[in-house]
Amino acid sequence: MRKRYFIGGGILLVAVIYLLYLSFGSSVSYYVTVSEFFDRGTELYDTDIRVAGKISAPVNWNAEGLDLAFTITEGGDDMAVVYRGAKPAGFKEGTDILIEGKYQSDGIFQASQLILKCPSKYESVVIE
């Protein structure tokens, strides 16, 4: 009788550990910078990835078609990005951004998600 409880408890423990492994593995999301992306060559082409950089000119927004085309830069490297969807609030040149999607062989990153860094409007004030 006790043997059955140990076997059942062991199976349950293994199942819980496996489910935790799956949930933590998918929730960890890494990113690379633009220069790190290009340093890795074609290895990251056509794979889901996150890339961090700063929004730079030109920024082209088509409100009717919900098309947003822009460039991100970091470390002297530039990456052309195309996103289809609503333009995020606070989206402007010079803002830090994290883009998620796939880099295509045509040299354009097809973004599926845009994550803007919070603006630094909360700066410390020096009291004299």
Foldseek 3Di string as FASTA:
>chain_A
DVVVVVVVVVVVVVVVVVVVCVVVVVVDADAEEQVVVVVVPCPQAPHKHKYKFFWADDWDADVVQQKIWTWGDDPHDIAIEIERDHDDPPDDGGWIKMFIAGQHPVRYGYGDDIDTDDDPPPDDDDDD
